[in-house]
Amino acid sequence: MSGVIGGRMPSPRNAPRREAVSITKLGRYGKVVWAHQLICGHTVTRKRKSPTGVIGCVKCIDAEEFEEFNESLGTPLESPIDDGLSEAEAKAMKYKAILAGRFGIPSEQIDVSVRTAPDGMMRVDSATVFLTGRQLKALD
């Protein structure tokens, strides 16, 4: 996701034009960058100071995509087909997705167990997360 439009990265030339509120010089001789604080609230750093004070904000594109993605997750859609999942199985799938997002891993690396309780009701019992050595090091 993160800024990819139709399989390619967005260009500042195609991004919405925003006016710079302030332009600050950062760095030292030979390694100077200019931080442009835009009216939209984003900060864009460039090697050169904008002569007009108006530049394209790629971060606005990312923010729009995130808002669309967030809204699509927030609105529950009714399934026209009853897939026969029990409430516990649906909850297990939800926990699986939450854990996958939390650890930044594919959901295939997570196993959530659903068991029948003594009262006959199905309940989520436990979850096992399988991590590779590289993924474990990334958690540190």
N, C-alpha and C. Protein backbone atom coordinates (compact mmCIF):
# COMPACT_ATOMS: atom_id res chain seq x y z
N MET A 1 0.85 -1.16 0.00
CA MET A 1 0.00 0.00 0.00
C MET A 1 0.90 1.24 0.00
N SER A 2 1.25 1.81 1.06
CA SER A 2 2.11 2.96 1.33
C SER A 2 2.55 3.73 0.09
N GLY A 3 1.67 4.40 -0.58
CA GLY A 3 2.00 5.33 -1.63
C GLY A 3 2.12 4.75 -3.01
N VAL A 4 1.86 3.51 -3.23
CA VAL A 4 1.97 2.90 -4.55
C VAL A 4 0.64 3.07 -5.26
N ILE A 5 0.70 3.68 -6.44
CA ILE A 5 -0.52 3.92 -7.21
C ILE A 5 -0.40 3.14 -8.50
N GLY A 6 -1.28 2.17 -8.66
CA GLY A 6 -1.29 1.38 -9.89
C GLY A 6 0.04 0.71 -10.16
N GLY A 7 0.74 0.25 -9.11
CA GLY A 7 2.00 -0.45 -9.29
C GLY A 7 3.21 0.45 -9.40
N ARG A 8 3.04 1.75 -9.21
CA ARG A 8 4.20 2.65 -9.28
C ARG A 8 4.13 3.67 -8.16
N MET A 9 5.28 4.20 -7.81
CA MET A 9 5.36 5.18 -6.73
C MET A 9 4.83 6.53 -7.21
N PRO A 10 4.16 7.28 -6.34
CA PRO A 10 3.66 8.58 -6.76
C PRO A 10 4.81 9.58 -6.93
N SER A 11 4.63 10.48 -7.84
CA SER A 11 5.63 11.50 -8.10
C SER A 11 5.17 12.81 -7.46
N PRO A 12 6.11 13.62 -6.95
CA PRO A 12 5.72 14.93 -6.42
C PRO A 12 5.07 15.82 -7.48
N ARG A 13 5.36 15.52 -8.75
CA ARG A 13 4.75 16.31 -9.82
C ARG A 13 3.26 16.03 -9.95
N ASN A 14 2.85 14.79 -9.60
CA ASN A 14 1.44 14.41 -9.69
C ASN A 14 0.70 14.62 -8.38
N ALA A 15 1.42 14.95 -7.33
CA ALA A 15 0.82 15.11 -6.01
C ALA A 15 0.09 16.45 -5.92
N PRO A 16 -0.87 16.56 -5.00
CA PRO A 16 -1.58 17.83 -4.83
C PRO A 16 -0.62 18.93 -4.38
N ARG A 17 -0.77 20.10 -4.98
CA ARG A 17 0.11 21.23 -4.69
C ARG A 17 -0.30 21.87 -3.38
N ARG A 18 0.68 22.11 -2.51
CA ARG A 18 0.44 22.72 -1.21
C ARG A 18 1.41 23.87 -0.99
N GLU A 19 0.93 24.88 -0.30
CA GLU A 19 1.75 26.06 0.00
C GLU A 19 2.59 25.80 1.24
N ALA A 20 3.84 26.25 1.22
CA ALA A 20 4.73 26.09 2.37
C ALA A 20 4.47 27.19 3.38
N VAL A 21 4.26 26.80 4.64
CA VAL A 21 4.06 27.76 5.72
C VAL A 21 5.42 28.28 6.18
N SER A 22 6.38 27.35 6.31
CA SER A 22 7.74 27.75 6.68
C SER A 22 8.74 26.84 5.99
N ILE A 23 9.93 27.38 5.74
CA ILE A 23 11.00 26.62 5.11
C ILE A 23 12.22 26.77 6.00
N THR A 24 12.75 25.63 6.49
CA THR A 24 13.86 25.64 7.44
C THR A 24 15.06 24.91 6.85
N LYS A 25 16.24 25.50 7.01
CA LYS A 25 17.48 24.89 6.53
C LYS A 25 18.01 23.97 7.62
N LEU A 26 18.27 22.69 7.27
CA LEU A 26 18.77 21.72 8.23
C LEU A 26 20.08 21.13 7.73
N GLY A 27 20.95 20.74 8.64
CA GLY A 27 22.20 20.10 8.26
C GLY A 27 23.37 21.03 8.34
N ARG A 28 24.50 20.57 7.81
CA ARG A 28 25.72 21.36 7.80
C ARG A 28 26.26 21.46 6.39
N TYR A 29 27.32 22.20 6.23
CA TYR A 29 27.90 22.45 4.93
C TYR A 29 28.13 21.15 4.17
N GLY A 30 27.61 21.07 2.96
CA GLY A 30 27.75 19.90 2.12
C GLY A 30 26.63 18.88 2.29
N LYS A 31 25.88 18.97 3.37
CA LYS A 31 24.79 18.02 3.63
C LYS A 31 23.55 18.77 4.08
N VAL A 32 23.20 19.80 3.36
CA VAL A 32 22.06 20.64 3.72
C VAL A 32 20.78 20.10 3.06
N VAL A 33 19.70 20.06 3.82
CA VAL A 33 18.37 19.78 3.29
C VAL A 33 17.44 20.88 3.78
N TRP A 34 16.40 21.07 3.03
CA TRP A 34 15.41 22.09 3.36
C TRP A 34 14.11 21.41 3.77
N ALA A 35 13.63 21.72 4.95
CA ALA A 35 12.38 21.17 5.47
C ALA A 35 11.27 22.17 5.17
N HIS A 36 10.33 21.75 4.35
CA HIS A 36 9.19 22.60 3.97
C HIS A 36 7.98 22.17 4.81
N GLN A 37 7.55 23.01 5.74
CA GLN A 37 6.34 22.75 6.51
C GLN A 37 5.17 23.25 5.67
N LEU A 38 4.31 22.32 5.25
CA LEU A 38 3.23 22.67 4.33
C LEU A 38 1.95 23.02 5.08
N ILE A 39 1.06 23.67 4.38
CA ILE A 39 -0.21 24.11 4.95
C ILE A 39 -1.09 22.93 5.37
N CYS A 40 -0.86 21.76 4.75
CA CYS A 40 -1.65 20.56 5.08
C CYS A 40 -1.17 19.91 6.36
N GLY A 41 -0.02 20.35 6.90
CA GLY A 41 0.50 19.79 8.13
C GLY A 41 1.67 18.84 7.93
N HIS A 42 1.92 18.42 6.70
CA HIS A 42 3.04 17.52 6.42
C HIS A 42 4.32 18.31 6.25
N THR A 43 5.45 17.63 6.48
CA THR A 43 6.76 18.24 6.27
C THR A 43 7.47 17.45 5.17
N VAL A 44 7.95 18.15 4.17
CA VAL A 44 8.65 17.53 3.05
C VAL A 44 10.07 18.08 3.05
N THR A 45 11.06 17.16 3.02
CA THR A 45 12.45 17.60 2.95
C THR A 45 12.95 17.44 1.53
N ARG A 46 13.68 18.45 1.08
CA ARG A 46 14.23 18.46 -0.28
C ARG A 46 15.66 18.98 -0.24
N LYS A 47 16.42 18.70 -1.30
CA LYS A 47 17.79 19.17 -1.38
C LYS A 47 17.86 20.67 -1.67
N ARG A 48 16.82 21.16 -2.32
CA ARG A 48 16.81 22.59 -2.67
C ARG A 48 15.57 23.26 -2.10
N LYS A 49 15.71 24.53 -1.82
CA LYS A 49 14.61 25.33 -1.32
C LYS A 49 13.66 25.65 -2.47
N SER A 50 12.37 25.54 -2.22
CA SER A 50 11.40 25.84 -3.26
C SER A 50 11.38 27.35 -3.52
N PRO A 51 11.59 27.77 -4.77
CA PRO A 51 11.59 29.21 -5.06
C PRO A 51 10.20 29.84 -4.97
N THR A 52 9.15 29.05 -5.24
CA THR A 52 7.80 29.60 -5.24
C THR A 52 7.10 29.38 -3.91
N GLY A 53 7.57 28.42 -3.12
CA GLY A 53 6.91 28.11 -1.85
C GLY A 53 5.71 27.19 -2.02
N VAL A 54 5.52 26.65 -3.23
CA VAL A 54 4.42 25.72 -3.49
C VAL A 54 5.02 24.44 -4.06
N ILE A 55 4.80 23.31 -3.36
CA ILE A 55 5.34 22.03 -3.84
C ILE A 55 4.28 20.94 -3.72
N GLY A 56 4.51 19.83 -4.42
CA GLY A 56 3.60 18.70 -4.36
C GLY A 56 3.84 17.90 -3.08
N CYS A 57 2.77 17.48 -2.43
CA CYS A 57 2.87 16.74 -1.17
C CYS A 57 2.48 15.28 -1.40
N VAL A 58 3.50 14.42 -1.50
CA VAL A 58 3.27 12.98 -1.70
C VAL A 58 2.62 12.38 -0.46
N LYS A 59 2.90 12.95 0.71
CA LYS A 59 2.34 12.42 1.95
C LYS A 59 0.82 12.58 1.99
N CYS A 60 0.28 13.55 1.28
CA CYS A 60 -1.19 13.70 1.20
C CYS A 60 -1.80 12.52 0.44
N ILE A 61 -1.09 12.01 -0.57
CA ILE A 61 -1.58 10.84 -1.31
C ILE A 61 -1.62 9.64 -0.37
N ASP A 62 -0.53 9.43 0.40
CA ASP A 62 -0.49 8.33 1.36
C ASP A 62 -1.60 8.47 2.39
N ALA A 63 -1.85 9.69 2.86
CA ALA A 63 -2.89 9.92 3.86
C ALA A 63 -4.27 9.62 3.29
N GLU A 64 -4.52 10.00 2.03
CA GLU A 64 -5.81 9.71 1.40
C GLU A 64 -6.02 8.21 1.27
N GLU A 65 -4.96 7.49 0.84
CA GLU A 65 -5.07 6.04 0.71
C GLU A 65 -5.34 5.39 2.06
N PHE A 66 -4.66 5.90 3.11
CA PHE A 66 -4.87 5.33 4.44
C PHE A 66 -6.29 5.59 4.91
N GLU A 67 -6.80 6.79 4.68
CA GLU A 67 -8.18 7.10 5.08
C GLU A 67 -9.18 6.19 4.37
N GLU A 68 -8.98 5.97 3.06
CA GLU A 68 -9.86 5.08 2.31
C GLU A 68 -9.78 3.66 2.86
N PHE A 69 -8.56 3.20 3.14
CA PHE A 69 -8.37 1.86 3.69
C PHE A 69 -9.01 1.75 5.07
N ASN A 70 -8.81 2.76 5.90
CA ASN A 70 -9.35 2.76 7.25
C ASN A 70 -10.88 2.77 7.23
N GLU A 71 -11.47 3.55 6.34
CA GLU A 71 -12.93 3.60 6.23
C GLU A 71 -13.49 2.26 5.76
N SER A 72 -12.78 1.61 4.84
CA SER A 72 -13.26 0.32 4.35
C SER A 72 -13.23 -0.74 5.45
N LEU A 73 -12.24 -0.63 6.37
CA LEU A 73 -12.19 -1.56 7.49
C LEU A 73 -13.26 -1.24 8.53
N GLY A 74 -13.58 0.05 8.67
CA GLY A 74 -14.53 0.48 9.69
C GLY A 74 -15.97 0.18 9.36
N THR A 75 -16.29 0.03 8.09
CA THR A 75 -17.68 -0.24 7.72
C THR A 75 -17.88 -1.72 7.51
N PRO A 76 -18.62 -2.35 8.40
CA PRO A 76 -18.85 -3.78 8.22
C PRO A 76 -19.79 -4.03 7.04
N LEU A 77 -19.44 -5.00 6.25
CA LEU A 77 -20.28 -5.38 5.12
C LEU A 77 -21.01 -6.67 5.47
N GLU A 78 -22.27 -6.72 5.15
CA GLU A 78 -23.03 -7.93 5.43
C GLU A 78 -22.73 -8.96 4.35
N SER A 79 -22.46 -10.15 4.78
CA SER A 79 -22.17 -11.22 3.85
C SER A 79 -23.48 -11.85 3.38
N PRO A 80 -23.72 -11.88 2.06
CA PRO A 80 -24.96 -12.47 1.57
C PRO A 80 -24.99 -13.99 1.73
N ILE A 81 -23.80 -14.59 1.89
CA ILE A 81 -23.72 -16.04 2.02
C ILE A 81 -23.36 -16.38 3.46
N ASP A 82 -24.11 -17.24 4.10
CA ASP A 82 -23.78 -17.69 5.44
C ASP A 82 -22.72 -18.77 5.32
N ASP A 83 -21.50 -18.45 5.76
CA ASP A 83 -20.42 -19.40 5.60
C ASP A 83 -20.37 -20.45 6.71
N GLY A 84 -21.30 -20.40 7.64
CA GLY A 84 -21.40 -21.42 8.66
C GLY A 84 -20.38 -21.33 9.78
N LEU A 85 -19.70 -20.19 9.92
CA LEU A 85 -18.73 -20.03 10.99
C LEU A 85 -19.46 -19.78 12.31
N SER A 86 -19.00 -20.44 13.34
CA SER A 86 -19.55 -20.16 14.66
C SER A 86 -18.98 -18.83 15.14
N GLU A 87 -19.54 -18.32 16.21
CA GLU A 87 -19.06 -17.05 16.76
C GLU A 87 -17.61 -17.19 17.22
N ALA A 88 -17.26 -18.33 17.81
CA ALA A 88 -15.89 -18.56 18.27
C ALA A 88 -14.92 -18.63 17.10
N GLU A 89 -15.32 -19.27 16.00
CA GLU A 89 -14.45 -19.35 14.83
C GLU A 89 -14.25 -17.98 14.20
N ALA A 90 -15.29 -17.18 14.16
CA ALA A 90 -15.17 -15.82 13.64
C ALA A 90 -14.25 -14.99 14.53
N LYS A 91 -14.37 -15.15 15.84
CA LYS A 91 -13.51 -14.44 16.78
C LYS A 91 -12.06 -14.90 16.61
N ALA A 92 -11.85 -16.20 16.36
CA ALA A 92 -10.51 -16.73 16.15
C ALA A 92 -9.87 -16.12 14.91
N MET A 93 -10.65 -15.97 13.85
CA MET A 93 -10.13 -15.33 12.63
C MET A 93 -9.77 -13.88 12.89
N LYS A 94 -10.56 -13.20 13.70
CA LYS A 94 -10.29 -11.81 14.05
C LYS A 94 -8.99 -11.72 14.85
N TYR A 95 -8.81 -12.60 15.84
CA TYR A 95 -7.58 -12.61 16.63
C TYR A 95 -6.37 -12.91 15.75
N LYS A 96 -6.54 -13.79 14.79
CA LYS A 96 -5.47 -14.14 13.87
C LYS A 96 -5.03 -12.92 13.07
N ALA A 97 -6.00 -12.16 12.58
CA ALA A 97 -5.70 -10.95 11.81
C ALA A 97 -5.04 -9.89 12.69
N ILE A 98 -5.50 -9.75 13.92
CA ILE A 98 -4.92 -8.76 14.84
C ILE A 98 -3.46 -9.12 15.14
N LEU A 99 -3.20 -10.39 15.43
CA LEU A 99 -1.83 -10.82 15.72
C LEU A 99 -0.92 -10.67 14.51
N ALA A 100 -1.44 -10.98 13.33
CA ALA A 100 -0.64 -10.83 12.11
C ALA A 100 -0.26 -9.37 11.90
N GLY A 101 -1.20 -8.47 12.14
CA GLY A 101 -0.90 -7.05 12.01
C GLY A 101 0.06 -6.56 13.08
N ARG A 102 -0.10 -7.06 14.29
CA ARG A 102 0.75 -6.63 15.40
C ARG A 102 2.21 -7.03 15.17
N PHE A 103 2.43 -8.27 14.71
CA PHE A 103 3.78 -8.76 14.49
C PHE A 103 4.29 -8.49 13.07
N GLY A 104 3.42 -8.03 12.17
CA GLY A 104 3.83 -7.74 10.79
C GLY A 104 4.21 -9.00 10.03
N ILE A 105 3.44 -10.06 10.21
CA ILE A 105 3.72 -11.34 9.56
C ILE A 105 2.48 -11.81 8.83
N PRO A 106 2.62 -12.78 7.90
CA PRO A 106 1.45 -13.33 7.23
C PRO A 106 0.60 -14.13 8.22
N SER A 107 -0.69 -14.17 7.98
CA SER A 107 -1.59 -14.87 8.90
C SER A 107 -1.37 -16.38 8.89
N GLU A 108 -0.68 -16.91 7.88
CA GLU A 108 -0.39 -18.34 7.84
C GLU A 108 0.57 -18.76 8.96
N GLN A 109 1.28 -17.80 9.56
CA GLN A 109 2.23 -18.10 10.62
C GLN A 109 1.57 -18.07 11.99
N ILE A 110 0.25 -18.00 12.04
CA ILE A 110 -0.47 -17.92 13.32
C ILE A 110 -1.51 -19.03 13.35
N ASP A 111 -1.57 -19.71 14.49
CA ASP A 111 -2.55 -20.76 14.69
C ASP A 111 -3.38 -20.41 15.92
N VAL A 112 -4.68 -20.27 15.76
CA VAL A 112 -5.57 -19.97 16.87
C VAL A 112 -6.46 -21.19 17.09
N SER A 113 -6.43 -21.70 18.32
CA SER A 113 -7.18 -22.91 18.66
C SER A 113 -8.55 -22.56 19.22
N VAL A 114 -9.56 -23.25 18.71
CA VAL A 114 -10.92 -23.13 19.22
C VAL A 114 -11.29 -24.49 19.80
N ARG A 115 -11.72 -24.49 21.05
CA ARG A 115 -12.06 -25.74 21.73
C ARG A 115 -13.46 -25.66 22.32
N THR A 116 -14.02 -26.82 22.55
CA THR A 116 -15.33 -26.89 23.18
C THR A 116 -15.14 -26.87 24.69
N ALA A 117 -15.79 -25.93 25.35
CA ALA A 117 -15.70 -25.80 26.80
C ALA A 117 -16.58 -26.87 27.47
N PRO A 118 -16.41 -27.09 28.78
CA PRO A 118 -17.23 -28.09 29.48
C PRO A 118 -18.73 -27.84 29.36
N ASP A 119 -19.12 -26.58 29.17
CA ASP A 119 -20.54 -26.29 29.04
C ASP A 119 -21.07 -26.51 27.63
N GLY A 120 -20.19 -26.97 26.71
CA GLY A 120 -20.62 -27.27 25.35
C GLY A 120 -20.45 -26.13 24.37
N MET A 121 -20.06 -24.97 24.86
CA MET A 121 -19.87 -23.80 23.99
C MET A 121 -18.45 -23.80 23.44
N MET A 122 -18.31 -23.37 22.18
CA MET A 122 -16.98 -23.26 21.57
C MET A 122 -16.37 -21.93 21.97
N ARG A 123 -15.10 -21.98 22.39
CA ARG A 123 -14.39 -20.78 22.82
C ARG A 123 -12.98 -20.79 22.26
N VAL A 124 -12.42 -19.57 22.08
CA VAL A 124 -11.02 -19.45 21.67
C VAL A 124 -10.17 -19.87 22.86
N ASP A 125 -9.28 -20.82 22.63
CA ASP A 125 -8.48 -21.38 23.72
C ASP A 125 -7.08 -20.78 23.78
N SER A 126 -6.37 -20.78 22.66
CA SER A 126 -5.00 -20.29 22.66
C SER A 126 -4.59 -19.88 21.26
N ALA A 127 -3.45 -19.19 21.19
CA ALA A 127 -2.89 -18.79 19.90
C ALA A 127 -1.40 -19.08 19.90
N THR A 128 -0.90 -19.58 18.80
CA THR A 128 0.53 -19.85 18.64
C THR A 128 1.03 -19.04 17.46
N VAL A 129 2.10 -18.28 17.69
CA VAL A 129 2.69 -17.46 16.64
C VAL A 129 4.03 -18.08 16.27
N PHE A 130 4.21 -18.44 15.01
CA PHE A 130 5.45 -19.04 14.52
C PHE A 130 6.28 -17.94 13.87
N LEU A 131 7.48 -17.68 14.42
CA LEU A 131 8.36 -16.64 13.90
C LEU A 131 9.67 -17.25 13.43
N THR A 132 10.22 -16.70 12.36
CA THR A 132 11.53 -17.11 11.89
C THR A 132 12.60 -16.40 12.73
N GLY A 133 13.83 -16.82 12.60
CA GLY A 133 14.92 -16.18 13.34
C GLY A 133 15.05 -14.71 12.99
N ARG A 134 14.87 -14.39 11.72
CA ARG A 134 14.96 -13.00 11.27
C ARG A 134 13.84 -12.16 11.87
N GLN A 135 12.64 -12.73 11.95
CA GLN A 135 11.51 -12.00 12.52
C GLN A 135 11.71 -11.80 14.02
N LEU A 136 12.31 -12.78 14.71
CA LEU A 136 12.60 -12.62 16.14
C LEU A 136 13.59 -11.51 16.38
N LYS A 137 14.62 -11.44 15.55
CA LYS A 137 15.63 -10.37 15.70
C LYS A 137 15.01 -9.01 15.45
N ALA A 138 14.05 -8.93 14.54
CA ALA A 138 13.41 -7.66 14.22
C ALA A 138 12.56 -7.16 15.38
N LEU A 139 12.12 -8.05 16.27
CA LEU A 139 11.30 -7.65 17.41
C LEU A 139 12.12 -6.95 18.49
N ASP A 140 13.45 -7.17 18.52
CA ASP A 140 14.29 -6.55 19.55
C ASP A 140 14.34 -5.08 19.45
